PDB file of N, CA and C in Angstrom:
ATOM      1  N   MET A   1      82.486 114.297  92.129  1.00  0.00           N
ATOM      2  CA  MET A   1      82.103 113.702  93.499  1.00  0.00           C
ATOM      3  C   MET A   1      80.861 114.308  93.996  1.00  0.00           C
ATOM      4  N   ALA A   2      79.826 113.803  93.450  1.00  0.00           N
ATOM      5  CA  ALA A   2      78.537 114.577  93.893  1.00  0.00           C
ATOM      6  C   ALA A   2      78.138 114.238  95.082  1.00  0.00           C
ATOM      7  N   GLY A   3      78.283 112.971  95.671  1.00  0.00           N
ATOM      8  CA  GLY A   3      77.635 112.913  96.848  1.00  0.00           C
ATOM      9  C   GLY A   3      77.373 111.265  97.076  1.00  0.00           C
ATOM     10  N   SER A   4      76.761 110.887  98.351  1.00  0.00           N
ATOM     11  CA  SER A   4      76.630 109.754  98.737  1.00  0.00           C
ATOM     12  C   SER A   4      75.218 109.292  98.479  1.00  0.00           C
ATOM     13  N   TYR A   5      74.095 109.863  97.982  1.00  0.00           N
ATOM     14  CA  TYR A   5      72.830 109.517  97.570  1.00  0.00           C
ATOM     15  C   TYR A   5      72.043 108.762  99.003  1.00  0.00           C
ATOM     16  N   PRO A   6      71.947 109.508 100.003  1.00  0.00           N
ATOM     17  CA  PRO A   6      71.549 108.803 101.247  1.00  0.00           C
ATOM     18  C   PRO A   6      70.175 108.242 101.199  1.00  0.00           C
ATOM     19  N   ASN A   7      69.392 108.380 100.223  1.00  0.00           N
ATOM     20  CA  ASN A   7      67.941 107.942 100.307  1.00  0.00           C
ATOM     21  C   ASN A   7      67.974 106.765  99.338  1.00  0.00           C
ATOM     22  N   LEU A   8      69.160 106.508  98.554  1.00  0.00           N
ATOM     23  CA  LEU A   8      69.294 105.467  97.446  1.00  0.00           C
ATOM     24  C   LEU A   8      69.277 103.916  98.290  1.00  0.00           C
ATOM     25  N   ALA A   9      68.098 103.149  98.112  1.00  0.00           N
ATOM     26  CA  ALA A   9      68.084 101.880  99.120  1.00  0.00           C
ATOM     27  C   ALA A   9      68.556 100.843  97.834  1.00  0.00           C
ATOM     28  N   LEU A  10      69.892 100.361  98.350  1.00  0.00           N
ATOM     29  CA  LEU A  10      70.646  99.466  97.495  1.00  0.00           C
ATOM     30  C   LEU A  10      71.100  98.254  98.434  1.00  0.00           C
ATOM     31  N   ASP A  11      71.155  97.100  98.098  1.00  0.00           N
ATOM     32  CA  ASP A  11      71.755  96.142  98.907  1.00  0.00           C
ATOM     33  C   ASP A  11      73.229  96.133  98.564  1.00  0.00           C
ATOM     34  N   LYS A  12      74.130  96.646  99.364  1.00  0.00           N
ATOM     35  CA  LYS A  12      75.528  96.826  98.920  1.00  0.00           C
ATOM     36  C   LYS A  12      76.168  95.215  98.933  1.00  0.00           C
ATOM     37  N   LYS A  13      75.613  94.344  99.499  1.00  0.00           N
ATOM     38  CA  LYS A  13      76.203  92.848  99.530  1.00  0.00           C
ATOM     39  C   LYS A  13      76.220  92.452  97.984  1.00  0.00           C
ATOM     40  N   ILE A  14      75.212  92.843  97.169  1.00  0.00           N
ATOM     41  CA  ILE A  14      75.402  92.410  95.908  1.00  0.00           C
ATOM     42  C   ILE A  14      76.454  93.235  94.979  1.00  0.00           C
ATOM     43  N   TYR A  15      76.985  94.198  95.341  1.00  0.00           N
ATOM     44  CA  TYR A  15      77.875  95.091  94.653  1.00  0.00           C
ATOM     45  C   TYR A  15      79.362  94.958  95.237  1.00  0.00           C
ATOM     46  N   GLU A  16      79.462  94.330  96.503  1.00  0.00           N
ATOM     47  CA  GLU A  16      80.766  94.298  97.246  1.00  0.00           C
ATOM     48  C   GLU A  16      81.825  93.715  96.304  1.00  0.00           C
ATOM     49  N   ASN A  17      82.799  94.341  96.025  1.00  0.00           N
ATOM     50  CA  ASN A  17      84.095  93.703  95.317  1.00  0.00           C
ATOM     51  C   ASN A  17      83.694  93.614  93.935  1.00  0.00           C
ATOM     52  N   ALA A  18      82.652  93.933  93.394  1.00  0.00           N
ATOM     53  CA  ALA A  18      82.517  93.756  92.017  1.00  0.00           C
ATOM     54  C   ALA A  18      83.451  94.720  91.116  1.00  0.00           C
ATOM     55  N   LYS A  19      83.840  94.299  90.042  1.00  0.00           N
ATOM     56  CA  LYS A  19      84.432  95.285  89.230  1.00  0.00           C
ATOM     57  C   LYS A  19      83.531  96.052  88.330  1.00  0.00           C
ATOM     58  N   ILE A  20      83.774  97.326  88.492  1.00  0.00           N
ATOM     59  CA  ILE A  20      82.811  98.181  87.542  1.00  0.00           C
ATOM     60  C   ILE A  20      83.547  99.208  86.786  1.00  0.00           C
ATOM     61  N   LEU A  21      83.015  99.210  85.460  1.00  0.00           N
ATOM     62  CA  LEU A  21      83.571 100.103  84.523  1.00  0.00           C
ATOM     63  C   LEU A  21      82.494 101.447  84.366  1.00  0.00           C
ATOM     64  N   ASP A  22      83.198 102.418  84.852  1.00  0.00           N
ATOM     65  CA  ASP A  22      82.201 103.797  84.634  1.00  0.00           C
ATOM     66  C   ASP A  22      82.904 104.230  83.343  1.00  0.00           C
ATOM     67  N   MET A  23      82.086 103.958  82.383  1.00  0.00           N
ATOM     68  CA  MET A  23      82.582 104.364  80.916  1.00  0.00           C
ATOM     69  C   MET A  23      82.193 106.110  80.739  1.00  0.00           C
ATOM     70  N   GLY A  24      83.118 106.712  80.440  1.00  0.00           N
ATOM     71  CA  GLY A  24      82.745 108.255  80.465  1.00  0.00           C
ATOM     72  C   GLY A  24      82.520 108.925  81.506  1.00  0.00           C
ATOM     73  N   PHE A  25      83.527 108.798  82.540  1.00  0.00           N
ATOM     74  CA  PHE A  25      83.391 109.141  83.802  1.00  0.00           C
ATOM     75  C   PHE A  25      83.371 110.804  84.009  1.00  0.00           C
ATOM     76  N   GLY A  26      83.784 111.580  83.202  1.00  0.00           N
ATOM     77  CA  GLY A  26      83.711 112.872  83.326  1.00  0.00           C
ATOM     78  C   GLY A  26      84.476 113.522  84.510  1.00  0.00           C
ATOM     79  N   ASP A  27      83.678 114.244  85.349  1.00  0.00           N
ATOM     80  CA  ASP A  27      84.335 114.925  86.541  1.00  0.00           C
ATOM     81  C   ASP A  27      84.315 113.834  87.656  1.00  0.00           C
ATOM     82  N   GLY A  28      83.801 112.678  87.479  1.00  0.00           N
ATOM     83  CA  GLY A  28      83.784 111.710  88.557  1.00  0.00           C
ATOM     84  C   GLY A  28      82.560 111.768  89.522  1.00  0.00           C
ATOM     85  N   ARG A  29      81.641 112.091  88.886  1.00  0.00           N
ATOM     86  CA  ARG A  29      80.203 112.450  89.674  1.00  0.00           C
ATOM     87  C   ARG A  29      79.706 111.187  90.549  1.00  0.00           C
ATOM     88  N   ASN A  30      79.975 109.979  89.949  1.00  0.00           N
ATOM     89  CA  ASN A  30      79.539 108.544  90.298  1.00  0.00           C
ATOM     90  C   ASN A  30      80.254 108.109  91.451  1.00  0.00           C
ATOM     91  N   PHE A  31      81.663 108.619  91.660  1.00  0.00           N
ATOM     92  CA  PHE A  31      82.748 107.990  92.413  1.00  0.00           C
ATOM     93  C   PHE A  31      82.349 107.616  93.733  1.00  0.00           C
ATOM     94  N   THR A  32      81.701 108.633  94.412  1.00  0.00           N
ATOM     95  CA  THR A  32      81.185 108.479  95.738  1.00  0.00           C
ATOM     96  C   THR A  32      80.299 107.462  96.007  1.00  0.00           C
ATOM     97  N   LEU A  33      79.233 107.406  94.974  1.00  0.00           N
ATOM     98  CA  LEU A  33      78.405 106.307  95.179  1.00  0.00           C
ATOM     99  C   LEU A  33      79.008 104.951  94.992  1.00  0.00           C
ATOM    100  N   LEU A  34      79.917 104.919  93.993  1.00  0.00           N
ATOM    101  CA  LEU A  34      80.511 103.546  93.663  1.00  0.00           C
ATOM    102  C   LEU A  34      81.522 103.120  94.877  1.00  0.00           C
ATOM    103  N   LYS A  35      82.024 104.142  95.717  1.00  0.00           N
ATOM    104  CA  LYS A  35      82.746 103.788  96.694  1.00  0.00           C
ATOM    105  C   LYS A  35      82.027 103.324  98.015  1.00  0.00           C
ATOM    106  N   ASN A  36      80.897 103.991  97.968  1.00  0.00           N
ATOM    107  CA  ASN A  36      79.926 103.551  99.159  1.00  0.00           C
ATOM    108  C   ASN A  36      79.387 102.015  98.866  1.00  0.00           C
ATOM    109  N   LEU A  37      79.465 101.879  97.608  1.00  0.00           N
ATOM    110  CA  LEU A  37      78.829 100.434  97.280  1.00  0.00           C
ATOM    111  C   LEU A  37      79.772  99.247  97.396  1.00  0.00           C
ATOM    112  N   GLY A  38      80.936  99.757  97.448  1.00  0.00           N
ATOM    113  CA  GLY A  38      82.092  98.788  97.956  1.00  0.00           C
ATOM    114  C   GLY A  38      82.683  98.083  96.375  1.00  0.00           C
ATOM    115  N   VAL A  39      82.443  98.553  95.416  1.00  0.00           N
ATOM    116  CA  VAL A  39      82.942  98.052  94.119  1.00  0.00           C
ATOM    117  C   VAL A  39      84.311  98.689  94.049  1.00  0.00           C
ATOM    118  N   LYS A  40      84.900  97.874  93.119  1.00  0.00           N
ATOM    119  CA  LYS A  40      86.330  98.313  92.531  1.00  0.00           C
ATOM    120  C   LYS A  40      85.869  99.132  91.393  1.00  0.00           C
ATOM    121  N   ILE A  41      86.665 100.130  91.349  1.00  0.00           N
ATOM    122  CA  ILE A  41      86.173 101.260  90.153  1.00  0.00           C
ATOM    123  C   ILE A  41      87.254 101.344  89.354  1.00  0.00           C
ATOM    124  N   TYR A  42      86.811 101.123  88.006  1.00  0.00           N
ATOM    125  CA  TYR A  42      87.844 101.174  86.917  1.00  0.00           C
ATOM    126  C   TYR A  42      86.811 102.204  85.876  1.00  0.00           C
ATOM    127  N   ASP A  43      87.558 103.083  85.238  1.00  0.00           N
ATOM    128  CA  ASP A  43      87.181 104.278  84.410  1.00  0.00           C
ATOM    129  C   ASP A  43      87.884 104.357  83.243  1.00  0.00           C
ATOM    130  N   VAL A  44      86.835 104.836  82.190  1.00  0.00           N
ATOM    131  CA  VAL A  44      87.567 105.164  81.088  1.00  0.00           C
ATOM    132  C   VAL A  44      87.009 106.411  80.325  1.00  0.00           C
ATOM    133  N   GLU A  45      87.970 107.459  79.872  1.00  0.00           N
ATOM    134  CA  GLU A  45      87.427 108.523  79.505  1.00  0.00           C
ATOM    135  C   GLU A  45      88.265 108.923  78.147  1.00  0.00           C
ATOM    136  N   ILE A  46      87.839 109.763  77.414  1.00  0.00           N
ATOM    137  CA  ILE A  46      88.504 109.948  75.845  1.00  0.00           C
ATOM    138  C   ILE A  46      89.608 110.955  75.967  1.00  0.00           C
ATOM    139  N   THR A  47      90.349 111.551  76.913  1.00  0.00           N
ATOM    140  CA  THR A  47      91.362 112.491  76.831  1.00  0.00           C
ATOM    141  C   THR A  47      92.078 112.323  78.208  1.00  0.00           C
ATOM    142  N   ASP A  48      93.467 112.359  78.005  1.00  0.00           N
ATOM    143  CA  ASP A  48      94.300 112.323  79.198  1.00  0.00           C
ATOM    144  C   ASP A  48      94.237 113.516  80.066  1.00  0.00           C
ATOM    145  N   GLU A  49      93.954 114.616  79.619  1.00  0.00           N
ATOM    146  CA  GLU A  49      93.459 115.759  80.578  1.00  0.00           C
ATOM    147  C   GLU A  49      92.339 115.447  81.339  1.00  0.00           C
ATOM    148  N   ILE A  50      91.299 114.911  80.812  1.00  0.00           N
ATOM    149  CA  ILE A  50      90.111 114.352  81.839  1.00  0.00           C
ATOM    150  C   ILE A  50      90.476 113.538  82.797  1.00  0.00           C
ATOM    151  N   VAL A  51      91.346 112.411  82.432  1.00  0.00           N
ATOM    152  CA  VAL A  51      91.958 111.528  83.241  1.00  0.00           C
ATOM    153  C   VAL A  51      92.609 111.920  84.406  1.00  0.00           C
ATOM    154  N   GLN A  52      93.594 112.946  84.035  1.00  0.00           N
ATOM    155  CA  GLN A  52      94.453 113.523  85.121  1.00  0.00           C
ATOM    156  C   GLN A  52      93.797 114.556  86.014  1.00  0.00           C
ATOM    157  N   SER A  53      92.761 115.315  85.441  1.00  0.00           N
ATOM    158  CA  SER A  53      92.253 116.180  86.296  1.00  0.00           C
ATOM    159  C   SER A  53      91.336 115.477  87.402  1.00  0.00           C
ATOM    160  N   THR A  54      90.544 114.451  86.927  1.00  0.00           N
ATOM    161  CA  THR A  54      89.845 113.625  87.704  1.00  0.00           C
ATOM    162  C   THR A  54      90.504 112.763  88.825  1.00  0.00           C
ATOM    163  N   GLN A  55      91.577 112.404  88.338  1.00  0.00           N
ATOM    164  CA  GLN A  55      92.481 111.570  89.072  1.00  0.00           C
ATOM    165  C   GLN A  55      92.687 112.351  90.348  1.00  0.00           C
ATOM    166  N   LYS A  56      93.079 113.688  90.151  1.00  0.00           N
ATOM    167  CA  LYS A  56      93.596 114.532  91.166  1.00  0.00           C
ATOM    168  C   LYS A  56      92.559 114.692  92.182  1.00  0.00           C
ATOM    169  N   LYS A  57      91.107 114.645  91.792  1.00  0.00           N
ATOM    170  CA  LYS A  57      89.966 114.965  92.399  1.00  0.00           C
ATOM    171  C   LYS A  57      89.735 113.642  93.300  1.00  0.00           C
ATOM    172  N   ALA A  58      90.025 112.403  92.743  1.00  0.00           N
ATOM    173  CA  ALA A  58      89.611 111.221  93.467  1.00  0.00           C
ATOM    174  C   ALA A  58      90.563 110.829  94.601  1.00  0.00           C
ATOM    175  N   GLU A  59      91.955 111.328  94.220  1.00  0.00           N
ATOM    176  CA  GLU A  59      93.047 110.962  95.403  1.00  0.00           C
ATOM    177  C   GLU A  59      92.544 112.107  96.603  1.00  0.00           C
ATOM    178  N   PHE A  60      92.254 113.190  96.140  1.00  0.00           N
ATOM    179  CA  PHE A  60      91.915 114.340  97.051  1.00  0.00           C
ATOM    180  C   PHE A  60      90.868 113.895  98.146  1.00  0.00           C
ATOM    181  N   ASN A  61      89.934 113.075  97.532  1.00  0.00           N
ATOM    182  CA  ASN A  61      88.581 112.672  98.226  1.00  0.00           C
ATOM    183  C   ASN A  61      88.880 111.320  98.847  1.00  0.00           C
ATOM    184  N   GLY A  62      90.133 110.840  98.592  1.00  0.00           N
ATOM    185  CA  GLY A  62      90.294 109.389  99.144  1.00  0.00           C
ATOM    186  C   GLY A  62      89.397 108.135  98.392  1.00  0.00           C
ATOM    187  N   ILE A  63      89.453 108.381  97.270  1.00  0.00           N
ATOM    188  CA  ILE A  63      88.744 107.342  96.270  1.00  0.00           C
ATOM    189  C   ILE A  63      89.610 106.820  95.332  1.00  0.00           C
ATOM    190  N   ASP A  64      89.758 105.360  95.501  1.00  0.00           N
ATOM    191  CA  ASP A  64      90.805 104.463  94.974  1.00  0.00           C
ATOM    192  C   ASP A  64      90.156 103.979  93.580  1.00  0.00           C
ATOM    193  N   CYS A  65      90.591 104.600  92.684  1.00  0.00           N
ATOM    194  CA  CYS A  65      90.102 104.048  91.400  1.00  0.00           C
ATOM    195  C   CYS A  65      91.205 103.752  90.200  1.00  0.00           C
ATOM    196  N   GLU A  66      90.912 103.116  89.152  1.00  0.00           N
ATOM    197  CA  GLU A  66      91.870 103.240  87.883  1.00  0.00           C
ATOM    198  C   GLU A  66      91.213 103.915  86.728  1.00  0.00           C
ATOM    199  N   LEU A  67      91.826 104.935  86.526  1.00  0.00           N
ATOM    200  CA  LEU A  67      91.335 105.641  85.378  1.00  0.00           C
ATOM    201  C   LEU A  67      92.321 105.555  84.211  1.00  0.00           C
ATOM    202  N   LYS A  68      91.811 105.374  83.056  1.00  0.00           N
ATOM    203  CA  LYS A  68      92.545 105.308  81.556  1.00  0.00           C
ATOM    204  C   LYS A  68      91.823 105.961  80.508  1.00  0.00           C
ATOM    205  N   VAL A  69      92.705 106.087  79.602  1.00  0.00           N
ATOM    206  CA  VAL A  69      92.237 106.922  78.358  1.00  0.00           C
ATOM    207  C   VAL A  69      91.644 105.772  77.299  1.00  0.00           C
ATOM    208  N   GLY A  70      90.558 105.883  76.784  1.00  0.00           N
ATOM    209  CA  GLY A  70      89.818 105.092  75.941  1.00  0.00           C
ATOM    210  C   GLY A  70      88.523 105.422  75.358  1.00  0.00           C
ATOM    211  N   ASN A  71      87.779 104.581  74.624  1.00  0.00           N
ATOM    212  CA  ASN A  71      86.530 104.912  74.435  1.00  0.00           C
ATOM    213  C   ASN A  71      85.725 103.814  74.260  1.00  0.00           C
ATOM    214  N   ASN A  72      84.199 103.914  73.686  1.00  0.00           N
ATOM    215  CA  ASN A  72      83.531 102.715  73.675  1.00  0.00           C
ATOM    216  C   ASN A  72      83.857 101.672  72.842  1.00  0.00           C
ATOM    217  N   VAL A  73      84.720 102.200  71.849  1.00  0.00           N
ATOM    218  CA  VAL A  73      85.086 101.229  70.863  1.00  0.00           C
ATOM    219  C   VAL A  73      86.329 100.527  71.228  1.00  0.00           C
ATOM    220  N   ASP A  74      87.355 101.146  71.994  1.00  0.00           N
ATOM    221  CA  ASP A  74      88.591 100.818  72.341  1.00  0.00           C
ATOM    222  C   ASP A  74      88.738 100.816  73.826  1.00  0.00           C
ATOM    223  N   ILE A  75      88.194 100.056  74.499  1.00  0.00           N
ATOM    224  CA  ILE A  75      88.210 100.016  75.970  1.00  0.00           C
ATOM    225  C   ILE A  75      89.636  99.212  76.473  1.00  0.00           C
ATOM    226  N   PRO A  76      90.378  99.583  77.197  1.00  0.00           N
ATOM    227  CA  PRO A  76      91.679  99.455  77.275  1.00  0.00           C
ATOM    228  C   PRO A  76      91.709  98.118  78.574  1.00  0.00           C
ATOM    229  N   TYR A  77      90.734  97.398  78.411  1.00  0.00           N
ATOM    230  CA  TYR A  77      90.805  96.155  79.557  1.00  0.00           C
ATOM    231  C   TYR A  77      90.492  95.071  78.703  1.00  0.00           C
ATOM    232  N   PRO A  78      90.755  93.671  79.221  1.00  0.00           N
ATOM    233  CA  PRO A  78      90.566  92.287  78.554  1.00  0.00           C
ATOM    234  C   PRO A  78      88.994  92.148  78.495  1.00  0.00           C
ATOM    235  N   ASN A  79      88.464  91.512  77.533  1.00  0.00           N
ATOM    236  CA  ASN A  79      87.174  91.033  77.494  1.00  0.00           C
ATOM    237  C   ASN A  79      86.819  90.440  78.758  1.00  0.00           C
ATOM    238  N   GLU A  80      85.682  90.576  79.238  1.00  0.00           N
ATOM    239  CA  GLU A  80      84.883  89.798  80.277  1.00  0.00           C
ATOM    240  C   GLU A  80      85.682  90.345  81.714  1.00  0.00           C
ATOM    241  N   HIS A  81      86.271  91.381  81.628  1.00  0.00           N
ATOM    242  CA  HIS A  81      86.899  91.872  82.938  1.00  0.00           C
ATOM    243  C   HIS A  81      86.030  92.462  84.112  1.00  0.00           C
ATOM    244  N   PHE A  82      84.828  93.003  83.728  1.00  0.00           N
ATOM    245  CA  PHE A  82      84.093  93.886  84.437  1.00  0.00           C
ATOM    246  C   PHE A  82      82.750  92.862  84.787  1.00  0.00           C
ATOM    247  N   ASP A  83      82.248  93.176  85.992  1.00  0.00           N
ATOM    248  CA  ASP A  83      81.010  92.548  86.516  1.00  0.00           C
ATOM    249  C   ASP A  83      79.774  93.593  86.047  1.00  0.00           C
ATOM    250  N   ILE A  84      80.151  94.694  85.978  1.00  0.00           N
ATOM    251  CA  ILE A  84      79.036  95.715  85.777  1.00  0.00           C
ATOM    252  C   ILE A  84      79.785  96.980  84.893  1.00  0.00           C
ATOM    253  N   ILE A  85      79.025  97.415  83.889  1.00  0.00           N
ATOM    254  CA  ILE A  85      79.375  98.569  83.149  1.00  0.00           C
ATOM    255  C   ILE A  85      78.384  99.773  83.463  1.00  0.00           C
ATOM    256  N   LEU A  86      78.750 100.834  83.591  1.00  0.00           N
ATOM    257  CA  LEU A  86      77.816 102.050  84.151  1.00  0.00           C
ATOM    258  C   LEU A  86      78.305 103.110  82.815  1.00  0.00           C
ATOM    259  N   ALA A  87      77.397 103.421  81.906  1.00  0.00           N
ATOM    260  CA  ALA A  87      77.586 104.453  80.810  1.00  0.00           C
ATOM    261  C   ALA A  87      76.212 105.252  80.672  1.00  0.00           C
ATOM    262  N   SER A  88      76.216 105.921  81.808  1.00  0.00           N
ATOM    263  CA  SER A  88      74.783 106.834  82.001  1.00  0.00           C
ATOM    264  C   SER A  88      74.906 107.974  81.157  1.00  0.00           C
ATOM    265  N   SER A  89      75.706 108.889  81.290  1.00  0.00           N
ATOM    266  CA  SER A  89      75.969 109.997  80.406  1.00  0.00           C
ATOM    267  C   SER A  89      76.701 109.931  79.249  1.00  0.00           C
ATOM    268  N   SER A  90      77.517 109.118  79.005  1.00  0.00           N
ATOM    269  CA  SER A  90      78.467 108.714  77.934  1.00  0.00           C
ATOM    270  C   SER A  90      77.619 108.118  76.796  1.00  0.00           C
ATOM    271  N   MET A  91      76.595 107.350  76.893  1.00  0.00           N
ATOM    272  CA  MET A  91      75.801 106.854  75.719  1.00  0.00           C
ATOM    273  C   MET A  91      75.063 107.886  75.246  1.00  0.00           C
ATOM    274  N   PHE A  92      74.503 108.976  76.122  1.00  0.00           N
ATOM    275  CA  PHE A  92      73.632 109.941  75.674  1.00  0.00           C
ATOM    276  C   PHE A  92      74.734 110.849  74.798  1.00  0.00           C
ATOM    277  N   GLN A  93      75.996 111.281  75.258  1.00  0.00           N
ATOM    278  CA  GLN A  93      76.761 112.171  74.509  1.00  0.00           C
ATOM    279  C   GLN A  93      77.277 111.506  73.199  1.00  0.00           C
ATOM    280  N   ILE A  94      77.557 110.040  73.211  1.00  0.00           N
ATOM    281  CA  ILE A  94      77.667 109.444  71.909  1.00  0.00           C
ATOM    282  C   ILE A  94      76.707 109.528  70.886  1.00  0.00           C
ATOM    283  N   THR A  95      75.590 109.288  71.183  1.00  0.00           N
ATOM    284  CA  THR A  95      74.209 109.501  70.609  1.00  0.00           C
ATOM    285  C   THR A  95      74.232 110.944  69.732  1.00  0.00           C
ATOM    286  N   LEU A  96      74.303 111.972  70.682  1.00  0.00           N
ATOM    287  CA  LEU A  96      74.149 113.237  70.520  1.00  0.00           C
ATOM    288  C   LEU A  96      75.262 113.669  69.280  1.00  0.00           C
ATOM    289  N   THR A  97      76.537 113.131  69.726  1.00  0.00           N
ATOM    290  CA  THR A  97      77.655 113.734  68.852  1.00  0.00           C
ATOM    291  C   THR A  97      77.301 112.983  67.464  1.00  0.00           C
ATOM    292  N   THR A  98      76.896 111.730  67.493  1.00  0.00           N
ATOM    293  CA  THR A  98      76.624 110.796  66.154  1.00  0.00           C
ATOM    294  C   THR A  98      75.442 111.679  65.437  1.00  0.00           C
ATOM    295  N   GLN A  99      74.603 112.072  66.082  1.00  0.00           N
ATOM    296  CA  GLN A  99      73.337 112.698  65.356  1.00  0.00           C
ATOM    297  C   GLN A  99      74.036 114.092  64.744  1.00  0.00           C
ATOM    298  N   LEU A 100      74.822 114.815  65.584  1.00  0.00           N
ATOM    299  CA  LEU A 100      75.207 116.299  64.949  1.00  0.00           C
ATOM    300  C   LEU A 100      76.030 116.002  63.903  1.00  0.00           C
ATOM    301  N   LEU A 101      77.101 114.964  63.814  1.00  0.00           N
ATOM    302  CA  LEU A 101      78.040 114.712  62.888  1.00  0.00           C
ATOM    303  C   LEU A 101      77.402 114.411  61.652  1.00  0.00           C
ATOM    304  N   ASN A 102      76.170 113.506  61.592  1.00  0.00           N
ATOM    305  CA  ASN A 102      75.429 113.097  60.674  1.00  0.00           C
ATOM    306  C   ASN A 102      74.475 114.186  59.856  1.00  0.00           C
ATOM    307  N   THR A 103      74.298 115.178  60.489  1.00  0.00           N
ATOM    308  CA  THR A 103      73.438 116.368  59.841  1.00  0.00           C
ATOM    309  C   THR A 103      74.015 117.290  58.923  1.00  0.00           C
TER     310      THR A 103
END
């Protein structure tokens, strides 16, 4: 729950009620920004422990989101469910892990 990014100039009308998948949400650092944009927040992370921990933080901060266990190969939502997919840190992590496993 990092913050609201007050200097970020985005037209909220573009994002209002859009369904966004925050792939690999980790500690929920994007949730405040996404809430402020007015999107419907859906999230996928690789373990139930991460999901449960971050769900508690989201509830404490009044952020409505749907958190599920999954990964980039097995996203637990139907095809074409989302308007936007955010995968900032998760794609880096997948690439780094793949490189380490192949060495």
